[in-house]
Amino acid sequence: MMAEKIKIVLLKKKMTVTDLAKLLNVTPQNLSNKFKRDNFSEKELIEIADVLNIKYDAYFTLETGEQV
């Protein structure tokens, strides 16, 4: 699910996974494997948002609309 969202952001920014890997100082193969497994920690998501100069919000929204 997060992998797909990151891919959408990359498309909107006209970037590739390889471009992102360079910004994160990881190998393109390592990042591609994370995309395949859709296995990103919250720390990694924050770092991705940081290098892409975008905002990352992680929260749960209850039925009442309250965000936790």
C-alpha atoms as a PDB file:
ATOM      1  CA  MET A   1       0.000   0.000   0.000  1.00  0.00           C
ATOM      2  CA  MET A   2       2.729   2.539   0.921  1.00  0.00           C
ATOM      3  CA  ALA A   3       4.863   1.395  -2.003  1.00  0.00           C
ATOM      4  CA  GLU A   4       2.046   2.366  -4.360  1.00  0.00           C
ATOM      5  CA  LYS A   5       1.677   5.765  -2.714  1.00  0.00           C
ATOM      6  CA  ILE A   6       5.416   6.407  -2.997  1.00  0.00           C
ATOM      7  CA  LYS A   7       5.305   5.442  -6.685  1.00  0.00           C
ATOM      8  CA  ILE A   8       2.483   7.948  -7.244  1.00  0.00           C
ATOM      9  CA  VAL A   9       4.541  10.676  -5.557  1.00  0.00           C
ATOM     10  CA  LEU A  10       7.538   9.760  -7.718  1.00  0.00           C
ATOM     11  CA  LEU A  11       5.407   9.965 -10.872  1.00  0.00           C
ATOM     12  CA  LYS A  12       4.065  13.371  -9.877  1.00  0.00           C
ATOM     13  CA  LYS A  13       7.627  14.554  -9.229  1.00  0.00           C
ATOM     14  CA  LYS A  14       8.855  12.961 -12.489  1.00  0.00           C
ATOM     15  CA  MET A  15      11.330  10.816 -10.585  1.00  0.00           C
ATOM     16  CA  THR A  16      12.323   7.162 -10.663  1.00  0.00           C
ATOM     17  CA  VAL A  17      13.006   4.678  -7.911  1.00  0.00           C
ATOM     18  CA  THR A  18      16.678   4.998  -8.851  1.00  0.00           C
ATOM     19  CA  ASP A  19      16.495   8.763  -8.306  1.00  0.00           C
ATOM     20  CA  LEU A  20      14.961   8.185  -4.889  1.00  0.00           C
ATOM     21  CA  ALA A  21      17.591   5.573  -4.023  1.00  0.00           C
ATOM     22  CA  LYS A  22      20.337   8.105  -4.782  1.00  0.00           C
ATOM     23  CA  LEU A  23      18.696  10.681  -2.511  1.00  0.00           C
ATOM     24  CA  LEU A  24      18.416   8.104   0.264  1.00  0.00           C
ATOM     25  CA  ASN A  25      22.003   6.832  -0.231  1.00  0.00           C
ATOM     26  CA  VAL A  26      20.825   3.249  -0.742  1.00  0.00           C
ATOM     27  CA  THR A  27      21.243   0.950  -3.698  1.00  0.00           C
ATOM     28  CA  PRO A  28      18.453   0.909  -6.281  1.00  0.00           C
ATOM     29  CA  GLN A  29      18.248  -2.876  -5.796  1.00  0.00           C
ATOM     30  CA  ASN A  30      17.720  -2.533  -2.038  1.00  0.00           C
ATOM     31  CA  LEU A  31      14.998   0.075  -2.532  1.00  0.00           C
ATOM     32  CA  SER A  32      13.338  -1.975  -5.286  1.00  0.00           C
ATOM     33  CA  ASN A  33      13.210  -4.947  -2.901  1.00  0.00           C
ATOM     34  CA  LYS A  34      11.488  -2.765  -0.297  1.00  0.00           C
ATOM     35  CA  PHE A  35       8.944  -1.765  -2.947  1.00  0.00           C
ATOM     36  CA  LYS A  36       8.329  -5.405  -3.875  1.00  0.00           C
ATOM     37  CA  ARG A  37       7.746  -6.364  -0.232  1.00  0.00           C
ATOM     38  CA  ASP A  38       5.963  -3.069   0.521  1.00  0.00           C
ATOM     39  CA  ASN A  39       8.089  -3.046   3.653  1.00  0.00           C
ATOM     40  CA  PHE A  40       8.808   0.494   4.848  1.00  0.00           C
ATOM     41  CA  SER A  41       9.270   1.505   8.459  1.00  0.00           C
ATOM     42  CA  GLU A  42       7.779   4.770   9.642  1.00  0.00           C
ATOM     43  CA  LYS A  43      11.327   6.110  10.011  1.00  0.00           C
ATOM     44  CA  GLU A  44      11.998   5.311   6.342  1.00  0.00           C
ATOM     45  CA  LEU A  45       8.744   6.948   5.255  1.00  0.00           C
ATOM     46  CA  ILE A  46       9.690  10.104   7.136  1.00  0.00           C
ATOM     47  CA  GLU A  47      13.122  10.053   5.489  1.00  0.00           C
ATOM     48  CA  ILE A  48      11.557   9.583   2.047  1.00  0.00           C
ATOM     49  CA  ALA A  49       9.247  12.538   2.639  1.00  0.00           C
ATOM     50  CA  ASP A  50      12.205  14.591   3.831  1.00  0.00           C
ATOM     51  CA  VAL A  51      14.395  13.934   0.781  1.00  0.00           C
ATOM     52  CA  LEU A  52      11.417  14.564  -1.534  1.00  0.00           C
ATOM     53  CA  ASN A  53      10.639  17.798   0.322  1.00  0.00           C
ATOM     54  CA  ILE A  54       7.059  16.754   1.052  1.00  0.00           C
ATOM     55  CA  LYS A  55       5.003  16.193   4.199  1.00  0.00           C
ATOM     56  CA  TYR A  56       4.300  12.749   5.653  1.00  0.00           C
ATOM     57  CA  ASP A  57       1.386  12.333   8.064  1.00  0.00           C
ATOM     58  CA  ALA A  58       0.761   9.013   9.760  1.00  0.00           C
ATOM     59  CA  TYR A  59      -2.350   8.725  11.870  1.00  0.00           C
ATOM     60  CA  PHE A  60      -5.483   6.728  12.535  1.00  0.00           C
ATOM     61  CA  THR A  61      -8.872   8.342  12.060  1.00  0.00           C
ATOM     62  CA  LEU A  62     -11.659   7.108  14.331  1.00  0.00           C
ATOM     63  CA  GLU A  63     -15.301   6.891  13.247  1.00  0.00           C
ATOM     64  CA  THR A  64     -15.887  10.217  14.986  1.00  0.00           C
ATOM     65  CA  GLY A  65     -13.297  11.883  12.756  1.00  0.00           C
ATOM     66  CA  GLU A  66     -10.813  12.144  15.611  1.00  0.00           C
ATOM     67  CA  GLN A  67      -7.250  11.516  14.488  1.00  0.00           C
ATOM     68  CA  VAL A  68      -4.837   9.572  16.681  1.00  0.00           C
END
